[in-house]
Amino acid sequence: MRRGRQFTPRIEMAYVGNSIKDEDQTTMSDVAERVKKIVIEHLGVDADKVVDDANFIEDLGADSLDTVELVMAFEEEFSVEIPDDAAETIVTVGDAIRFLKKATAA
């Protein structure tokens, strides 16, 4: 005697942005790409100006509030906390990339 249909649950996962991350597979180029995207979006600068040695203030025209907002955006994107003393040392795009690569590898 058949009691009815057999129900097989189906689970679907949605990936929204970078909300699901695999820290072990975060590459330096992935970090660099994400950092540069944030800088371009927050400062409204051309992508060709966002190079590793570009200083946020001197080369990209950021002010002190912009740098605070960049740090906050990095923290959100990479799900890390950047202490104030470390934030003060992040003055170039390359500084941000190196810091965030280490922070996501930990």
PDB file of N, CA and C in Angstrom:
ATOM      1  N   MET A   1       0.837  -1.177   0.000  1.00  0.00           N
ATOM      2  CA  MET A   1       0.000   0.000   0.000  1.00  0.00           C
ATOM      3  C   MET A   1       0.883   1.242   0.000  1.00  0.00           C
ATOM      4  N   ARG A   2       0.616   2.126  -0.887  1.00  0.00           N
ATOM      5  CA  ARG A   2       1.405   3.354  -1.022  1.00  0.00           C
ATOM      6  C   ARG A   2       0.789   4.439  -0.153  1.00  0.00           C
ATOM      7  N   ARG A   3       1.627   5.091   0.632  1.00  0.00           N
ATOM      8  CA  ARG A   3       1.136   6.101   1.566  1.00  0.00           C
ATOM      9  C   ARG A   3       1.177   7.513   0.992  1.00  0.00           C
ATOM     10  N   GLY A   4       1.766   7.724  -0.094  1.00  0.00           N
ATOM     11  CA  GLY A   4       1.863   9.069  -0.662  1.00  0.00           C
ATOM     12  C   GLY A   4       3.255   9.306  -1.218  1.00  0.00           C
ATOM     13  N   ARG A   5       3.463  10.480  -1.633  1.00  0.00           N
ATOM     14  CA  ARG A   5       4.767  10.827  -2.195  1.00  0.00           C
ATOM     15  C   ARG A   5       5.832  10.879  -1.122  1.00  0.00           C
ATOM     16  N   GLN A   6       6.998  10.480  -1.531  1.00  0.00           N
ATOM     17  CA  GLN A   6       8.136  10.597  -0.620  1.00  0.00           C
ATOM     18  C   GLN A   6       8.715  11.995  -0.796  1.00  0.00           C
ATOM     19  N   PHE A   7       8.919  12.661   0.309  1.00  0.00           N
ATOM     20  CA  PHE A   7       9.436  14.030   0.269  1.00  0.00           C
ATOM     21  C   PHE A   7      10.937  14.007   0.476  1.00  0.00           C
ATOM     22  N   THR A   8      11.652  14.567  -0.462  1.00  0.00           N
ATOM     23  CA  THR A   8      13.096  14.701  -0.339  1.00  0.00           C
ATOM     24  C   THR A   8      13.407  16.179  -0.218  1.00  0.00           C
ATOM     25  N   PRO A   9      13.917  16.589   0.951  1.00  0.00           N
ATOM     26  CA  PRO A   9      14.212  18.017   1.118  1.00  0.00           C
ATOM     27  C   PRO A   9      15.305  18.471   0.162  1.00  0.00           C
ATOM     28  N   ARG A  10      15.165  19.677  -0.306  1.00  0.00           N
ATOM     29  CA  ARG A  10      16.152  20.246  -1.219  1.00  0.00           C
ATOM     30  C   ARG A  10      16.691  21.514  -0.588  1.00  0.00           C
ATOM     31  N   ILE A  11      17.983  21.580  -0.505  1.00  0.00           N
ATOM     32  CA  ILE A  11      18.623  22.744   0.099  1.00  0.00           C
ATOM     33  C   ILE A  11      19.336  23.516  -0.995  1.00  0.00           C
ATOM     34  N   GLU A  12      19.044  24.793  -1.053  1.00  0.00           N
ATOM     35  CA  GLU A  12      19.727  25.660  -2.001  1.00  0.00           C
ATOM     36  C   GLU A  12      20.492  26.709  -1.222  1.00  0.00           C
ATOM     37  N   MET A  13      21.683  26.999  -1.676  1.00  0.00           N
ATOM     38  CA  MET A  13      22.502  28.021  -1.028  1.00  0.00           C
ATOM     39  C   MET A  13      22.638  29.208  -1.960  1.00  0.00           C
ATOM     40  N   ALA A  14      22.488  30.371  -1.409  1.00  0.00           N
ATOM     41  CA  ALA A  14      22.664  31.593  -2.190  1.00  0.00           C
ATOM     42  C   ALA A  14      23.951  32.266  -1.755  1.00  0.00           C
ATOM     43  N   TYR A  15      24.754  32.621  -2.700  1.00  0.00           N
ATOM     44  CA  TYR A  15      25.987  33.338  -2.419  1.00  0.00           C
ATOM     45  C   TYR A  15      25.757  34.800  -2.742  1.00  0.00           C
ATOM     46  N   VAL A  16      25.840  35.635  -1.741  1.00  0.00           N
ATOM     47  CA  VAL A  16      25.595  37.057  -1.916  1.00  0.00           C
ATOM     48  C   VAL A  16      26.917  37.785  -1.765  1.00  0.00           C
ATOM     49  N   GLY A  17      27.381  38.363  -2.846  1.00  0.00           N
ATOM     50  CA  GLY A  17      28.651  39.095  -2.794  1.00  0.00           C
ATOM     51  C   GLY A  17      29.758  38.204  -2.276  1.00  0.00           C
ATOM     52  N   ASN A  18      30.457  38.705  -1.285  1.00  0.00           N
ATOM     53  CA  ASN A  18      31.551  37.955  -0.682  1.00  0.00           C
ATOM     54  C   ASN A  18      31.193  37.509   0.725  1.00  0.00           C
ATOM     55  N   SER A  19      29.925  37.264   0.981  1.00  0.00           N
ATOM     56  CA  SER A  19      29.508  36.929   2.334  1.00  0.00           C
ATOM     57  C   SER A  19      29.950  35.538   2.751  1.00  0.00           C
ATOM     58  N   ILE A  20      30.222  34.657   1.798  1.00  0.00           N
ATOM     59  CA  ILE A  20      30.761  33.347   2.139  1.00  0.00           C
ATOM     60  C   ILE A  20      32.187  33.324   1.626  1.00  0.00           C
ATOM     61  N   LYS A  21      33.119  33.205   2.549  1.00  0.00           N
ATOM     62  CA  LYS A  21      34.526  33.290   2.184  1.00  0.00           C
ATOM     63  C   LYS A  21      35.266  32.050   2.657  1.00  0.00           C
ATOM     64  N   ASP A  22      36.241  31.640   1.908  1.00  0.00           N
ATOM     65  CA  ASP A  22      37.126  30.564   2.321  1.00  0.00           C
ATOM     66  C   ASP A  22      38.488  31.189   2.531  1.00  0.00           C
ATOM     67  N   GLU A  23      38.804  31.453   3.794  1.00  0.00           N
ATOM     68  CA  GLU A  23      40.033  32.152   4.142  1.00  0.00           C
ATOM     69  C   GLU A  23      41.273  31.484   3.548  1.00  0.00           C
ATOM     70  N   ASP A  24      41.294  30.141   3.514  1.00  0.00           N
ATOM     71  CA  ASP A  24      42.472  29.432   3.039  1.00  0.00           C
ATOM     72  C   ASP A  24      42.700  29.628   1.545  1.00  0.00           C
ATOM     73  N   GLN A  25      41.665  29.982   0.815  1.00  0.00           N
ATOM     74  CA  GLN A  25      41.814  30.127  -0.620  1.00  0.00           C
ATOM     75  C   GLN A  25      41.851  31.584  -1.073  1.00  0.00           C
ATOM     76  N   THR A  26      41.962  32.509  -0.127  1.00  0.00           N
ATOM     77  CA  THR A  26      42.061  33.919  -0.478  1.00  0.00           C
ATOM     78  C   THR A  26      43.467  34.177  -0.998  1.00  0.00           C
ATOM     79  N   THR A  27      43.574  34.509  -2.260  1.00  0.00           N
ATOM     80  CA  THR A  27      44.879  34.746  -2.853  1.00  0.00           C
ATOM     81  C   THR A  27      45.224  36.227  -2.792  1.00  0.00           C
ATOM     82  N   MET A  28      46.497  36.512  -2.967  1.00  0.00           N
ATOM     83  CA  MET A  28      46.942  37.900  -2.966  1.00  0.00           C
ATOM     84  C   MET A  28      46.244  38.674  -4.081  1.00  0.00           C
ATOM     85  N   SER A  29      46.072  38.057  -5.249  1.00  0.00           N
ATOM     86  CA  SER A  29      45.417  38.771  -6.354  1.00  0.00           C
ATOM     87  C   SER A  29      43.938  39.008  -6.058  1.00  0.00           C
ATOM     88  N   ASP A  30      43.291  38.071  -5.355  1.00  0.00           N
ATOM     89  CA  ASP A  30      41.895  38.259  -4.956  1.00  0.00           C
ATOM     90  C   ASP A  30      41.781  39.424  -3.985  1.00  0.00           C
ATOM     91  N   VAL A  31      42.669  39.468  -3.005  1.00  0.00           N
ATOM     92  CA  VAL A  31      42.676  40.569  -2.038  1.00  0.00           C
ATOM     93  C   VAL A  31      42.920  41.882  -2.770  1.00  0.00           C
ATOM     94  N   ALA A  32      43.907  41.907  -3.651  1.00  0.00           N
ATOM     95  CA  ALA A  32      44.243  43.126  -4.390  1.00  0.00           C
ATOM     96  C   ALA A  32      43.059  43.613  -5.219  1.00  0.00           C
ATOM     97  N   GLU A  33      42.401  42.703  -5.888  1.00  0.00           N
ATOM     98  CA  GLU A  33      41.253  43.067  -6.727  1.00  0.00           C
ATOM     99  C   GLU A  33      40.133  43.678  -5.885  1.00  0.00           C
ATOM    100  N   ARG A  34      39.848  43.075  -4.747  1.00  0.00           N
ATOM    101  CA  ARG A  34      38.779  43.572  -3.879  1.00  0.00           C
ATOM    102  C   ARG A  34      39.141  44.919  -3.262  1.00  0.00           C
ATOM    103  N   VAL A  35      40.408  45.077  -2.844  1.00  0.00           N
ATOM    104  CA  VAL A  35      40.857  46.355  -2.275  1.00  0.00           C
ATOM    105  C   VAL A  35      40.741  47.455  -3.324  1.00  0.00           C
ATOM    106  N   LYS A  36      41.234  47.188  -4.514  1.00  0.00           N
ATOM    107  CA  LYS A  36      41.203  48.196  -5.576  1.00  0.00           C
ATOM    108  C   LYS A  36      39.771  48.580  -5.940  1.00  0.00           C
ATOM    109  N   LYS A  37      38.872  47.615  -5.954  1.00  0.00           N
ATOM    110  CA  LYS A  37      37.467  47.902  -6.248  1.00  0.00           C
ATOM    111  C   LYS A  37      36.884  48.846  -5.198  1.00  0.00           C
ATOM    112  N   ILE A  38      37.192  48.591  -3.932  1.00  0.00           N
ATOM    113  CA  ILE A  38      36.703  49.450  -2.845  1.00  0.00           C
ATOM    114  C   ILE A  38      37.247  50.865  -2.999  1.00  0.00           C
ATOM    115  N   VAL A  39      38.541  50.981  -3.284  1.00  0.00           N
ATOM    116  CA  VAL A  39      39.172  52.297  -3.430  1.00  0.00           C
ATOM    117  C   VAL A  39      38.534  53.063  -4.591  1.00  0.00           C
ATOM    118  N   ILE A  40      38.352  52.399  -5.710  1.00  0.00           N
ATOM    119  CA  ILE A  40      37.746  53.041  -6.884  1.00  0.00           C
ATOM    120  C   ILE A  40      36.336  53.529  -6.560  1.00  0.00           C
ATOM    121  N   GLU A  41      35.551  52.675  -5.908  1.00  0.00           N
ATOM    122  CA  GLU A  41      34.164  53.040  -5.588  1.00  0.00           C
ATOM    123  C   GLU A  41      34.080  54.167  -4.562  1.00  0.00           C
ATOM    124  N   HIS A  42      34.921  54.115  -3.524  1.00  0.00           N
ATOM    125  CA  HIS A  42      34.829  55.108  -2.453  1.00  0.00           C
ATOM    126  C   HIS A  42      35.453  56.454  -2.817  1.00  0.00           C
ATOM    127  N   LEU A  43      36.514  56.426  -3.616  1.00  0.00           N
ATOM    128  CA  LEU A  43      37.191  57.680  -3.946  1.00  0.00           C
ATOM    129  C   LEU A  43      36.818  58.208  -5.328  1.00  0.00           C
ATOM    130  N   GLY A  44      36.150  57.399  -6.122  1.00  0.00           N
ATOM    131  CA  GLY A  44      35.745  57.841  -7.451  1.00  0.00           C
ATOM    132  C   GLY A  44      36.917  58.146  -8.366  1.00  0.00           C
ATOM    133  N   VAL A  45      37.969  57.342  -8.267  1.00  0.00           N
ATOM    134  CA  VAL A  45      39.160  57.555  -9.093  1.00  0.00           C
ATOM    135  C   VAL A  45      39.201  56.530 -10.220  1.00  0.00           C
ATOM    136  N   ASP A  46      39.990  56.844 -11.245  1.00  0.00           N
ATOM    137  CA  ASP A  46      40.163  55.922 -12.361  1.00  0.00           C
ATOM    138  C   ASP A  46      40.954  54.703 -11.909  1.00  0.00           C
ATOM    139  N   ALA A  47      40.597  53.559 -12.455  1.00  0.00           N
ATOM    140  CA  ALA A  47      41.241  52.299 -12.087  1.00  0.00           C
ATOM    141  C   ALA A  47      42.744  52.321 -12.343  1.00  0.00           C
ATOM    142  N   ASP A  48      43.181  53.021 -13.398  1.00  0.00           N
ATOM    143  CA  ASP A  48      44.610  53.037 -13.720  1.00  0.00           C
ATOM    144  C   ASP A  48      45.444  53.799 -12.694  1.00  0.00           C
ATOM    145  N   LYS A  49      44.808  54.611 -11.855  1.00  0.00           N
ATOM    146  CA  LYS A  49      45.529  55.334 -10.798  1.00  0.00           C
ATOM    147  C   LYS A  49      45.681  54.504  -9.528  1.00  0.00           C
ATOM    148  N   VAL A  50      44.895  53.441  -9.407  1.00  0.00           N
ATOM    149  CA  VAL A  50      44.894  52.631  -8.190  1.00  0.00           C
ATOM    150  C   VAL A  50      45.933  51.521  -8.334  1.00  0.00           C
ATOM    151  N   VAL A  51      47.179  51.901  -8.046  1.00  0.00           N
ATOM    152  CA  VAL A  51      48.311  50.978  -8.101  1.00  0.00           C
ATOM    153  C   VAL A  51      48.850  50.783  -6.690  1.00  0.00           C
ATOM    154  N   ASP A  52      49.671  49.754  -6.513  1.00  0.00           N
ATOM    155  CA  ASP A  52      50.149  49.403  -5.172  1.00  0.00           C
ATOM    156  C   ASP A  52      50.794  50.558  -4.418  1.00  0.00           C
ATOM    157  N   ASP A  53      51.579  51.377  -5.104  1.00  0.00           N
ATOM    158  CA  ASP A  53      52.288  52.448  -4.388  1.00  0.00           C
ATOM    159  C   ASP A  53      51.509  53.768  -4.338  1.00  0.00           C
ATOM    160  N   ALA A  54      50.245  53.752  -4.770  1.00  0.00           N
ATOM    161  CA  ALA A  54      49.424  54.970  -4.724  1.00  0.00           C
ATOM    162  C   ALA A  54      49.036  55.288  -3.286  1.00  0.00           C
ATOM    163  N   ASN A  55      49.402  56.499  -2.854  1.00  0.00           N
ATOM    164  CA  ASN A  55      49.061  56.982  -1.517  1.00  0.00           C
ATOM    165  C   ASN A  55      47.624  57.497  -1.557  1.00  0.00           C
ATOM    166  N   PHE A  56      46.825  57.064  -0.583  1.00  0.00           N
ATOM    167  CA  PHE A  56      45.410  57.449  -0.584  1.00  0.00           C
ATOM    168  C   PHE A  56      45.221  58.968  -0.601  1.00  0.00           C
ATOM    169  N   ILE A  57      46.002  59.683   0.199  1.00  0.00           N
ATOM    170  CA  ILE A  57      45.838  61.137   0.310  1.00  0.00           C
ATOM    171  C   ILE A  57      46.583  61.871  -0.798  1.00  0.00           C
ATOM    172  N   GLU A  58      47.881  61.602  -0.932  1.00  0.00           N
ATOM    173  CA  GLU A  58      48.716  62.353  -1.876  1.00  0.00           C
ATOM    174  C   GLU A  58      48.421  62.044  -3.341  1.00  0.00           C
ATOM    175  N   ASP A  59      48.173  60.776  -3.655  1.00  0.00           N
ATOM    176  CA  ASP A  59      47.996  60.390  -5.056  1.00  0.00           C
ATOM    177  C   ASP A  59      46.538  60.247  -5.490  1.00  0.00           C
ATOM    178  N   LEU A  60      45.671  59.864  -4.550  1.00  0.00           N
ATOM    179  CA  LEU A  60      44.286  59.575  -4.918  1.00  0.00           C
ATOM    180  C   LEU A  60      43.291  60.616  -4.415  1.00  0.00           C
ATOM    181  N   GLY A  61      43.802  61.660  -3.735  1.00  0.00           N
ATOM    182  CA  GLY A  61      42.956  62.779  -3.334  1.00  0.00           C
ATOM    183  C   GLY A  61      42.028  62.536  -2.157  1.00  0.00           C
ATOM    184  N   ALA A  62      42.306  61.515  -1.363  1.00  0.00           N
ATOM    185  CA  ALA A  62      41.462  61.245  -0.191  1.00  0.00           C
ATOM    186  C   ALA A  62      41.754  62.262   0.908  1.00  0.00           C
ATOM    187  N   ASP A  63      40.768  62.493   1.765  1.00  0.00           N
ATOM    188  CA  ASP A  63      41.008  63.282   2.970  1.00  0.00           C
ATOM    189  C   ASP A  63      40.933  62.324   4.161  1.00  0.00           C
ATOM    190  N   SER A  64      41.072  62.861   5.371  1.00  0.00           N
ATOM    191  CA  SER A  64      41.117  61.990   6.546  1.00  0.00           C
ATOM    192  C   SER A  64      39.816  61.206   6.733  1.00  0.00           C
ATOM    193  N   LEU A  65      38.685  61.819   6.421  1.00  0.00           N
ATOM    194  CA  LEU A  65      37.413  61.105   6.531  1.00  0.00           C
ATOM    195  C   LEU A  65      37.341  59.968   5.512  1.00  0.00           C
ATOM    196  N   ASP A  66      37.841  60.229   4.306  1.00  0.00           N
ATOM    197  CA  ASP A  66      37.874  59.182   3.279  1.00  0.00           C
ATOM    198  C   ASP A  66      38.684  57.979   3.749  1.00  0.00           C
ATOM    199  N   THR A  67      39.818  58.243   4.392  1.00  0.00           N
ATOM    200  CA  THR A  67      40.661  57.127   4.836  1.00  0.00           C
ATOM    201  C   THR A  67      39.963  56.311   5.920  1.00  0.00           C
ATOM    202  N   VAL A  68      39.238  56.977   6.802  1.00  0.00           N
ATOM    203  CA  VAL A  68      38.463  56.259   7.828  1.00  0.00           C
ATOM    204  C   VAL A  68      37.386  55.405   7.156  1.00  0.00           C
ATOM    205  N   GLU A  69      36.710  55.966   6.171  1.00  0.00           N
ATOM    206  CA  GLU A  69      35.668  55.225   5.455  1.00  0.00           C
ATOM    207  C   GLU A  69      36.249  54.045   4.681  1.00  0.00           C
ATOM    208  N   LEU A  70      37.447  54.217   4.124  1.00  0.00           N
ATOM    209  CA  LEU A  70      38.106  53.105   3.435  1.00  0.00           C
ATOM    210  C   LEU A  70      38.390  51.967   4.407  1.00  0.00           C
ATOM    211  N   VAL A  71      38.934  52.306   5.566  1.00  0.00           N
ATOM    212  CA  VAL A  71      39.240  51.282   6.571  1.00  0.00           C
ATOM    213  C   VAL A  71      37.964  50.542   6.967  1.00  0.00           C
ATOM    214  N   MET A  72      36.895  51.281   7.175  1.00  0.00           N
ATOM    215  CA  MET A  72      35.620  50.651   7.533  1.00  0.00           C
ATOM    216  C   MET A  72      35.122  49.737   6.406  1.00  0.00           C
ATOM    217  N   ALA A  73      35.294  50.164   5.173  1.00  0.00           N
ATOM    218  CA  ALA A  73      34.878  49.346   4.030  1.00  0.00           C
ATOM    219  C   ALA A  73      35.732  48.082   3.932  1.00  0.00           C
ATOM    220  N   PHE A  74      37.046  48.209   4.199  1.00  0.00           N
ATOM    221  CA  PHE A  74      37.922  47.031   4.202  1.00  0.00           C
ATOM    222  C   PHE A  74      37.490  46.050   5.287  1.00  0.00           C
ATOM    223  N   GLU A  75      37.184  46.581   6.472  1.00  0.00           N
ATOM    224  CA  GLU A  75      36.752  45.728   7.584  1.00  0.00           C
ATOM    225  C   GLU A  75      35.485  44.960   7.213  1.00  0.00           C
ATOM    226  N   GLU A  76      34.551  45.646   6.598  1.00  0.00           N
ATOM    227  CA  GLU A  76      33.290  44.998   6.225  1.00  0.00           C
ATOM    228  C   GLU A  76      33.496  43.962   5.130  1.00  0.00           C
ATOM    229  N   GLU A  77      34.241  44.317   4.109  1.00  0.00           N
ATOM    230  CA  GLU A  77      34.461  43.420   2.972  1.00  0.00           C
ATOM    231  C   GLU A  77      35.195  42.148   3.378  1.00  0.00           C
ATOM    232  N   PHE A  78      36.195  42.292   4.244  1.00  0.00           N
ATOM    233  CA  PHE A  78      37.042  41.152   4.600  1.00  0.00           C
ATOM    234  C   PHE A  78      36.693  40.536   5.950  1.00  0.00           C
ATOM    235  N   SER A  79      35.657  41.050   6.606  1.00  0.00           N
ATOM    236  CA  SER A  79      35.222  40.534   7.916  1.00  0.00           C
ATOM    237  C   SER A  79      36.373  40.479   8.913  1.00  0.00           C
ATOM    238  N   VAL A  80      37.106  41.582   9.001  1.00  0.00           N
ATOM    239  CA  VAL A  80      38.218  41.703   9.949  1.00  0.00           C
ATOM    240  C   VAL A  80      38.065  43.009  10.713  1.00  0.00           C
ATOM    241  N   GLU A  81      38.785  43.091  11.824  1.00  0.00           N
ATOM    242  CA  GLU A  81      38.839  44.345  12.563  1.00  0.00           C
ATOM    243  C   GLU A  81      40.240  44.911  12.389  1.00  0.00           C
ATOM    244  N   ILE A  82      40.319  46.164  12.024  1.00  0.00           N
ATOM    245  CA  ILE A  82      41.612  46.826  11.847  1.00  0.00           C
ATOM    246  C   ILE A  82      41.777  47.800  13.010  1.00  0.00           C
ATOM    247  N   PRO A  83      42.697  47.489  13.935  1.00  0.00           N
ATOM    248  CA  PRO A  83      42.914  48.386  15.078  1.00  0.00           C
ATOM    249  C   PRO A  83      43.390  49.762  14.606  1.00  0.00           C
ATOM    250  N   ASP A  84      43.117  50.786  15.415  1.00  0.00           N
ATOM    251  CA  ASP A  84      43.488  52.159  15.045  1.00  0.00           C
ATOM    252  C   ASP A  84      44.968  52.298  14.725  1.00  0.00           C
ATOM    253  N   ASP A  85      45.833  51.666  15.539  1.00  0.00           N
ATOM    254  CA  ASP A  85      47.274  51.796  15.291  1.00  0.00           C
ATOM    255  C   ASP A  85      47.666  51.163  13.958  1.00  0.00           C
ATOM    256  N   ALA A  86      47.007  50.083  13.579  1.00  0.00           N
ATOM    257  CA  ALA A  86      47.282  49.457  12.282  1.00  0.00           C
ATOM    258  C   ALA A  86      46.709  50.306  11.149  1.00  0.00           C
ATOM    259  N   ALA A  87      45.530  50.876  11.371  1.00  0.00           N
ATOM    260  CA  ALA A  87      44.895  51.706  10.341  1.00  0.00           C
ATOM    261  C   ALA A  87      45.780  52.889   9.969  1.00  0.00           C
ATOM    262  N   GLU A  88      46.494  53.428  10.953  1.00  0.00           N
ATOM    263  CA  GLU A  88      47.376  54.571  10.694  1.00  0.00           C
ATOM    264  C   GLU A  88      48.550  54.211   9.796  1.00  0.00           C
ATOM    265  N   THR A  89      48.897  52.926   9.722  1.00  0.00           N
ATOM    266  CA  THR A  89      50.019  52.495   8.877  1.00  0.00           C
ATOM    267  C   THR A  89      49.575  52.148   7.460  1.00  0.00           C
ATOM    268  N   ILE A  90      48.277  52.109   7.230  1.00  0.00           N
ATOM    269  CA  ILE A  90      47.755  51.788   5.898  1.00  0.00           C
ATOM    270  C   ILE A  90      47.568  53.096   5.137  1.00  0.00           C
ATOM    271  N   VAL A  91      48.606  53.487   4.404  1.00  0.00           N
ATOM    272  CA  VAL A  91      48.573  54.768   3.692  1.00  0.00           C
ATOM    273  C   VAL A  91      48.594  54.608   2.172  1.00  0.00           C
ATOM    274  N   THR A  92      48.897  53.408   1.710  1.00  0.00           N
ATOM    275  CA  THR A  92      48.896  53.147   0.269  1.00  0.00           C
ATOM    276  C   THR A  92      48.006  51.947  -0.033  1.00  0.00           C
ATOM    277  N   VAL A  93      47.701  51.777  -1.298  1.00  0.00           N
ATOM    278  CA  VAL A  93      46.915  50.625  -1.736  1.00  0.00           C
ATOM    279  C   VAL A  93      47.654  49.338  -1.376  1.00  0.00           C
ATOM    280  N   GLY A  94      48.953  49.313  -1.599  1.00  0.00           N
ATOM    281  CA  GLY A  94      49.758  48.135  -1.279  1.00  0.00           C
ATOM    282  C   GLY A  94      49.760  47.814   0.206  1.00  0.00           C
ATOM    283  N   ASP A  95      49.801  48.855   1.049  1.00  0.00           N
ATOM    284  CA  ASP A  95      49.728  48.638   2.499  1.00  0.00           C
ATOM    285  C   ASP A  95      48.430  47.913   2.853  1.00  0.00           C
ATOM    286  N   ALA A  96      47.332  48.350   2.267  1.00  0.00           N
ATOM    287  CA  ALA A  96      46.026  47.736   2.541  1.00  0.00           C
ATOM    288  C   ALA A  96      46.005  46.283   2.080  1.00  0.00           C
ATOM    289  N   ILE A  97      46.528  46.036   0.896  1.00  0.00           N
ATOM    290  CA  ILE A  97      46.545  44.673   0.353  1.00  0.00           C
ATOM    291  C   ILE A  97      47.353  43.747   1.254  1.00  0.00           C
ATOM    292  N   ARG A  98      48.555  44.175   1.637  1.00  0.00           N
ATOM    293  CA  ARG A  98      49.413  43.330   2.482  1.00  0.00           C
ATOM    294  C   ARG A  98      48.778  43.082   3.846  1.00  0.00           C
ATOM    295  N   PHE A  99      48.223  44.141   4.462  1.00  0.00           N
ATOM    296  CA  PHE A  99      47.599  43.978   5.777  1.00  0.00           C
ATOM    297  C   PHE A  99      46.427  43.002   5.698  1.00  0.00           C
ATOM    298  N   LEU A 100      45.571  43.184   4.705  1.00  0.00           N
ATOM    299  CA  LEU A 100      44.373  42.355   4.603  1.00  0.00           C
ATOM    300  C   LEU A 100      44.694  40.921   4.219  1.00  0.00           C
ATOM    301  N   LYS A 101      45.731  40.705   3.439  1.00  0.00           N
ATOM    302  CA  LYS A 101      46.144  39.331   3.119  1.00  0.00           C
ATOM    303  C   LYS A 101      46.569  38.618   4.396  1.00  0.00           C
ATOM    304  N   LYS A 102      47.371  39.297   5.225  1.00  0.00           N
ATOM    305  CA  LYS A 102      47.798  38.691   6.496  1.00  0.00           C
ATOM    306  C   LYS A 102      46.606  38.473   7.417  1.00  0.00           C
ATOM    307  N   ALA A 103      45.717  39.451   7.483  1.00  0.00           N
ATOM    308  CA  ALA A 103      44.563  39.369   8.386  1.00  0.00           C
ATOM    309  C   ALA A 103      43.611  38.242   7.990  1.00  0.00           C
ATOM    310  N   THR A 104      43.456  37.999   6.698  1.00  0.00           N
ATOM    311  CA  THR A 104      42.544  36.941   6.263  1.00  0.00           C
ATOM    312  C   THR A 104      43.190  35.568   6.316  1.00  0.00           C
ATOM    313  N   ALA A 105      44.515  35.531   6.381  1.00  0.00           N
ATOM    314  CA  ALA A 105      45.213  34.245   6.473  1.00  0.00           C
ATOM    315  C   ALA A 105      45.271  33.749   7.911  1.00  0.00           C
ATOM    316  N   ALA A 106      45.068  34.662   8.863  1.00  0.00           N
ATOM    317  CA  ALA A 106      45.184  34.296  10.284  1.00  0.00           C
ATOM    318  C   ALA A 106      44.009  33.486  10.765  1.00  0.00           C
TER     319      ALA A 106
END
